[in-house]
PDB file of N, CA and C in Angstrom:
ATOM      1  N   MET A   1      24.593  16.741 -25.150  1.00  0.00           N
ATOM      2  CA  MET A   1      23.403  16.136 -24.560  1.00  0.00           C
ATOM      3  C   MET A   1      23.523  16.144 -23.033  1.00  0.00           C
ATOM      4  N   THR A   2      22.488  16.583 -22.398  1.00  0.00           N
ATOM      5  CA  THR A   2      22.454  16.572 -20.941  1.00  0.00           C
ATOM      6  C   THR A   2      21.327  15.660 -20.482  1.00  0.00           C
ATOM      7  N   GLU A   3      21.605  14.953 -19.406  1.00  0.00           N
ATOM      8  CA  GLU A   3      20.586  14.072 -18.827  1.00  0.00           C
ATOM      9  C   GLU A   3      19.682  14.863 -17.902  1.00  0.00           C
ATOM     10  N   GLN A   4      18.412  14.591 -17.987  1.00  0.00           N
ATOM     11  CA  GLN A   4      17.465  15.198 -17.055  1.00  0.00           C
ATOM     12  C   GLN A   4      17.371  14.296 -15.830  1.00  0.00           C
ATOM     13  N   ARG A   5      17.725  14.821 -14.703  1.00  0.00           N
ATOM     14  CA  ARG A   5      17.630  14.070 -13.456  1.00  0.00           C
ATOM     15  C   ARG A   5      16.794  14.853 -12.469  1.00  0.00           C
ATOM     16  N   GLU A   6      16.072  14.115 -11.649  1.00  0.00           N
ATOM     17  CA  GLU A   6      15.326  14.764 -10.576  1.00  0.00           C
ATOM     18  C   GLU A   6      16.308  15.275  -9.544  1.00  0.00           C
ATOM     19  N   ALA A   7      15.982  16.375  -8.932  1.00  0.00           N
ATOM     20  CA  ALA A   7      16.839  16.905  -7.879  1.00  0.00           C
ATOM     21  C   ALA A   7      16.883  15.923  -6.716  1.00  0.00           C
ATOM     22  N   TYR A   8      18.022  15.809  -6.077  1.00  0.00           N
ATOM     23  CA  TYR A   8      18.195  14.903  -4.936  1.00  0.00           C
ATOM     24  C   TYR A   8      17.383  15.414  -3.756  1.00  0.00           C
ATOM     25  N   ASP A   9      16.499  14.567  -3.263  1.00  0.00           N
ATOM     26  CA  ASP A   9      15.663  14.934  -2.119  1.00  0.00           C
ATOM     27  C   ASP A   9      15.745  13.811  -1.082  1.00  0.00           C
ATOM     28  N   PRO A  10      16.516  14.009  -0.013  1.00  0.00           N
ATOM     29  CA  PRO A  10      16.662  12.938   0.982  1.00  0.00           C
ATOM     30  C   PRO A  10      15.371  12.603   1.719  1.00  0.00           C
ATOM     31  N   ASN A  11      14.385  13.452   1.654  1.00  0.00           N
ATOM     32  CA  ASN A  11      13.114  13.179   2.335  1.00  0.00           C
ATOM     33  C   ASN A  11      12.288  12.123   1.616  1.00  0.00           C
ATOM     34  N   LYS A  12      12.652  11.789   0.381  1.00  0.00           N
ATOM     35  CA  LYS A  12      11.913  10.781  -0.373  1.00  0.00           C
ATOM     36  C   LYS A  12      12.493   9.391  -0.195  1.00  0.00           C
ATOM     37  N   LEU A  13      13.606   9.273   0.467  1.00  0.00           N
ATOM     38  CA  LEU A  13      14.284   7.989   0.580  1.00  0.00           C
ATOM     39  C   LEU A  13      13.826   7.236   1.826  1.00  0.00           C
ATOM     40  N   GLY A  14      13.688   5.930   1.699  1.00  0.00           N
ATOM     41  CA  GLY A  14      13.417   5.087   2.848  1.00  0.00           C
ATOM     42  C   GLY A  14      11.965   4.902   3.222  1.00  0.00           C
ATOM     43  N   TRP A  15      11.045   5.499   2.497  1.00  0.00           N
ATOM     44  CA  TRP A  15       9.637   5.378   2.880  1.00  0.00           C
ATOM     45  C   TRP A  15       9.108   3.965   2.690  1.00  0.00           C
ATOM     46  N   GLY A  16       9.586   3.256   1.696  1.00  0.00           N
ATOM     47  CA  GLY A  16       9.152   1.871   1.493  1.00  0.00           C
ATOM     48  C   GLY A  16       9.586   0.993   2.649  1.00  0.00           C
ATOM     49  N   PHE A  17      10.828   1.167   3.085  1.00  0.00           N
ATOM     50  CA  PHE A  17      11.344   0.395   4.221  1.00  0.00           C
ATOM     51  C   PHE A  17      10.601   0.765   5.496  1.00  0.00           C
ATOM     52  N   ALA A  18      10.347   2.038   5.701  1.00  0.00           N
ATOM     53  CA  ALA A  18       9.617   2.484   6.891  1.00  0.00           C
ATOM     54  C   ALA A  18       8.208   1.902   6.906  1.00  0.00           C
ATOM     55  N   THR A  19       7.566   1.867   5.771  1.00  0.00           N
ATOM     56  CA  THR A  19       6.222   1.294   5.666  1.00  0.00           C
ATOM     57  C   THR A  19       6.250  -0.193   5.996  1.00  0.00           C
ATOM     58  N   ALA A  20       7.259  -0.905   5.509  1.00  0.00           N
ATOM     59  CA  ALA A  20       7.380  -2.334   5.801  1.00  0.00           C
ATOM     60  C   ALA A  20       7.561  -2.572   7.300  1.00  0.00           C
ATOM     61  N   ILE A  21       8.351  -1.745   7.964  1.00  0.00           N
ATOM     62  CA  ILE A  21       8.563  -1.884   9.401  1.00  0.00           C
ATOM     63  C   ILE A  21       7.272  -1.620  10.167  1.00  0.00           C
ATOM     64  N   ILE A  22       6.513  -0.613   9.750  1.00  0.00           N
ATOM     65  CA  ILE A  22       5.249  -0.297  10.414  1.00  0.00           C
ATOM     66  C   ILE A  22       4.249  -1.436  10.243  1.00  0.00           C
ATOM     67  N   VAL A  23       4.164  -1.996   9.034  1.00  0.00           N
ATOM     68  CA  VAL A  23       3.261  -3.125   8.788  1.00  0.00           C
ATOM     69  C   VAL A  23       3.678  -4.321   9.639  1.00  0.00           C
ATOM     70  N   LEU A  24       4.980  -4.569   9.717  1.00  0.00           N
ATOM     71  CA  LEU A  24       5.478  -5.670  10.532  1.00  0.00           C
ATOM     72  C   LEU A  24       5.123  -5.463  12.007  1.00  0.00           C
ATOM     73  N   ALA A  25       5.233  -4.245  12.504  1.00  0.00           N
ATOM     74  CA  ALA A  25       4.891  -3.949  13.893  1.00  0.00           C
ATOM     75  C   ALA A  25       3.400  -4.161  14.152  1.00  0.00           C
ATOM     76  N   VAL A  26       2.558  -3.750  13.224  1.00  0.00           N
ATOM     77  CA  VAL A  26       1.107  -3.927  13.386  1.00  0.00           C
ATOM     78  C   VAL A  26       0.756  -5.410  13.397  1.00  0.00           C
ATOM     79  N   VAL A  27       1.346  -6.179  12.490  1.00  0.00           N
ATOM     80  CA  VAL A  27       1.083  -7.621  12.437  1.00  0.00           C
ATOM     81  C   VAL A  27       1.555  -8.298  13.722  1.00  0.00           C
ATOM     82  N   ALA A  28       2.723  -7.911  14.224  1.00  0.00           N
ATOM     83  CA  ALA A  28       3.239  -8.503  15.460  1.00  0.00           C
ATOM     84  C   ALA A  28       2.319  -8.189  16.636  1.00  0.00           C
ATOM     85  N   ASN A  29       1.823  -6.971  16.717  1.00  0.00           N
ATOM     86  CA  ASN A  29       0.920  -6.608  17.805  1.00  0.00           C
ATOM     87  C   ASN A  29      -0.411  -7.345  17.709  1.00  0.00           C
ATOM     88  N   LEU A  30      -0.953  -7.480  16.527  1.00  0.00           N
ATOM     89  CA  LEU A  30      -2.205  -8.211  16.358  1.00  0.00           C
ATOM     90  C   LEU A  30      -2.026  -9.686  16.702  1.00  0.00           C
ATOM     91  N   THR A  31      -0.893 -10.260  16.326  1.00  0.00           N
ATOM     92  CA  THR A  31      -0.614 -11.656  16.650  1.00  0.00           C
ATOM     93  C   THR A  31      -0.485 -11.839  18.156  1.00  0.00           C
ATOM     94  N   ALA A  32       0.246 -10.959  18.807  1.00  0.00           N
ATOM     95  CA  ALA A  32       0.413 -11.048  20.260  1.00  0.00           C
ATOM     96  C   ALA A  32      -0.926 -10.895  20.967  1.00  0.00           C
ATOM     97  N   TYR A  33      -1.764  -9.990  20.490  1.00  0.00           N
ATOM     98  CA  TYR A  33      -3.077  -9.788  21.113  1.00  0.00           C
ATOM     99  C   TYR A  33      -3.954 -11.025  20.945  1.00  0.00           C
ATOM    100  N   SER A  34      -3.947 -11.633  19.760  1.00  0.00           N
ATOM    101  CA  SER A  34      -4.785 -12.812  19.549  1.00  0.00           C
ATOM    102  C   SER A  34      -4.292 -13.989  20.388  1.00  0.00           C
ATOM    103  N   ILE A  35      -2.968 -14.146  20.530  1.00  0.00           N
ATOM    104  CA  ILE A  35      -2.434 -15.202  21.389  1.00  0.00           C
ATOM    105  C   ILE A  35      -2.816 -14.940  22.843  1.00  0.00           C
ATOM    106  N   HIS A  36      -2.717 -13.690  23.257  1.00  0.00           N
ATOM    107  CA  HIS A  36      -3.094 -13.323  24.633  1.00  0.00           C
ATOM    108  C   HIS A  36      -4.559 -13.646  24.899  1.00  0.00           C
ATOM    109  N   LYS A  37      -5.442 -13.268  23.974  1.00  0.00           N
ATOM    110  CA  LYS A  37      -6.879 -13.519  24.172  1.00  0.00           C
ATOM    111  C   LYS A  37      -7.174 -15.010  24.221  1.00  0.00           C
ATOM    112  N   ALA A  38      -6.408 -15.808  23.473  1.00  0.00           N
ATOM    113  CA  ALA A  38      -6.674 -17.240  23.415  1.00  0.00           C
ATOM    114  C   ALA A  38      -6.107 -17.996  24.608  1.00  0.00           C
ATOM    115  N   THR A  39      -5.091 -17.461  25.274  1.00  0.00           N
ATOM    116  CA  THR A  39      -4.402 -18.246  26.297  1.00  0.00           C
ATOM    117  C   THR A  39      -4.446 -17.643  27.699  1.00  0.00           C
ATOM    118  N   TYR A  40      -4.850 -16.406  27.856  1.00  0.00           N
ATOM    119  CA  TYR A  40      -4.798 -15.757  29.171  1.00  0.00           C
ATOM    120  C   TYR A  40      -5.872 -16.309  30.093  1.00  0.00           C
ATOM    121  N   LEU A  41      -5.470 -16.635  31.299  1.00  0.00           N
ATOM    122  CA  LEU A  41      -6.411 -17.040  32.337  1.00  0.00           C
ATOM    123  C   LEU A  41      -6.354 -16.009  33.448  1.00  0.00           C
ATOM    124  N   LYS A  42      -7.511 -15.548  33.880  1.00  0.00           N
ATOM    125  CA  LYS A  42      -7.548 -14.581  34.971  1.00  0.00           C
ATOM    126  C   LYS A  42      -7.032 -15.244  36.243  1.00  0.00           C
ATOM    127  N   PRO A  43      -6.328 -14.510  37.080  1.00  0.00           N
ATOM    128  CA  PRO A  43      -5.776 -15.093  38.304  1.00  0.00           C
ATOM    129  C   PRO A  43      -6.841 -15.627  39.257  1.00  0.00           C
ATOM    130  N   ASP A  44      -8.044 -15.057  39.248  1.00  0.00           N
ATOM    131  CA  ASP A  44      -9.087 -15.512  40.161  1.00  0.00           C
ATOM    132  C   ASP A  44      -9.926 -16.647  39.580  1.00  0.00           C
ATOM    133  N   LYS A  45      -9.660 -17.053  38.353  1.00  0.00           N
ATOM    134  CA  LYS A  45     -10.408 -18.145  37.736  1.00  0.00           C
ATOM    135  C   LYS A  45      -9.860 -19.471  38.261  1.00  0.00           C
ATOM    136  N   PRO A  46     -10.729 -20.341  38.795  1.00  0.00           N
ATOM    137  CA  PRO A  46     -10.232 -21.623  39.315  1.00  0.00           C
ATOM    138  C   PRO A  46      -9.705 -22.505  38.198  1.00  0.00           C
ATOM    139  N   ALA A  47      -8.771 -23.357  38.566  1.00  0.00           N
ATOM    140  CA  ALA A  47      -8.226 -24.307  37.602  1.00  0.00           C
ATOM    141  C   ALA A  47      -9.323 -25.279  37.199  1.00  0.00           C
ATOM    142  N   SER A  48      -9.118 -25.995  36.117  1.00  0.00           N
ATOM    143  CA  SER A  48     -10.135 -26.948  35.658  1.00  0.00           C
ATOM    144  C   SER A  48     -10.305 -28.058  36.710  1.00  0.00           C
ATOM    145  N   ALA A  49     -11.402 -28.747  36.665  1.00  0.00           N
ATOM    146  CA  ALA A  49     -11.720 -29.783  37.655  1.00  0.00           C
ATOM    147  C   ALA A  49     -10.682 -30.906  37.637  1.00  0.00           C
ATOM    148  N   ALA A  50     -10.186 -31.248  36.469  1.00  0.00           N
ATOM    149  CA  ALA A  50      -9.213 -32.333  36.361  1.00  0.00           C
ATOM    150  C   ALA A  50      -7.892 -31.934  37.009  1.00  0.00           C
ATOM    151  N   ALA A  51      -7.505 -30.690  36.900  1.00  0.00           N
ATOM    152  CA  ALA A  51      -6.236 -30.241  37.458  1.00  0.00           C
ATOM    153  C   ALA A  51      -6.352 -30.021  38.973  1.00  0.00           C
ATOM    154  N   ALA A  52      -7.556 -29.830  39.478  1.00  0.00           N
ATOM    155  CA  ALA A  52      -7.736 -29.541  40.898  1.00  0.00           C
ATOM    156  C   ALA A  52      -7.584 -30.800  41.751  1.00  0.00           C
ATOM    157  N   HIS A  53      -7.796 -31.963  41.201  1.00  0.00           N
ATOM    158  CA  HIS A  53      -7.747 -33.207  41.980  1.00  0.00           C
ATOM    159  C   HIS A  53      -6.396 -33.804  42.012  1.00  0.00           C
TER     160      HIS A  53
END
């Protein structure tokens, strides 16, 4: 009896891990962008009235 095995193909290995890293990078970038949009103040924008006094 011989076992049927798929031929070893190193190009098929690691794609799940690579996909997880790419998804993690996209999520990190989207999070950083949303934090930036919520907290960034333009340098020429005056401070609030309460902070100015």
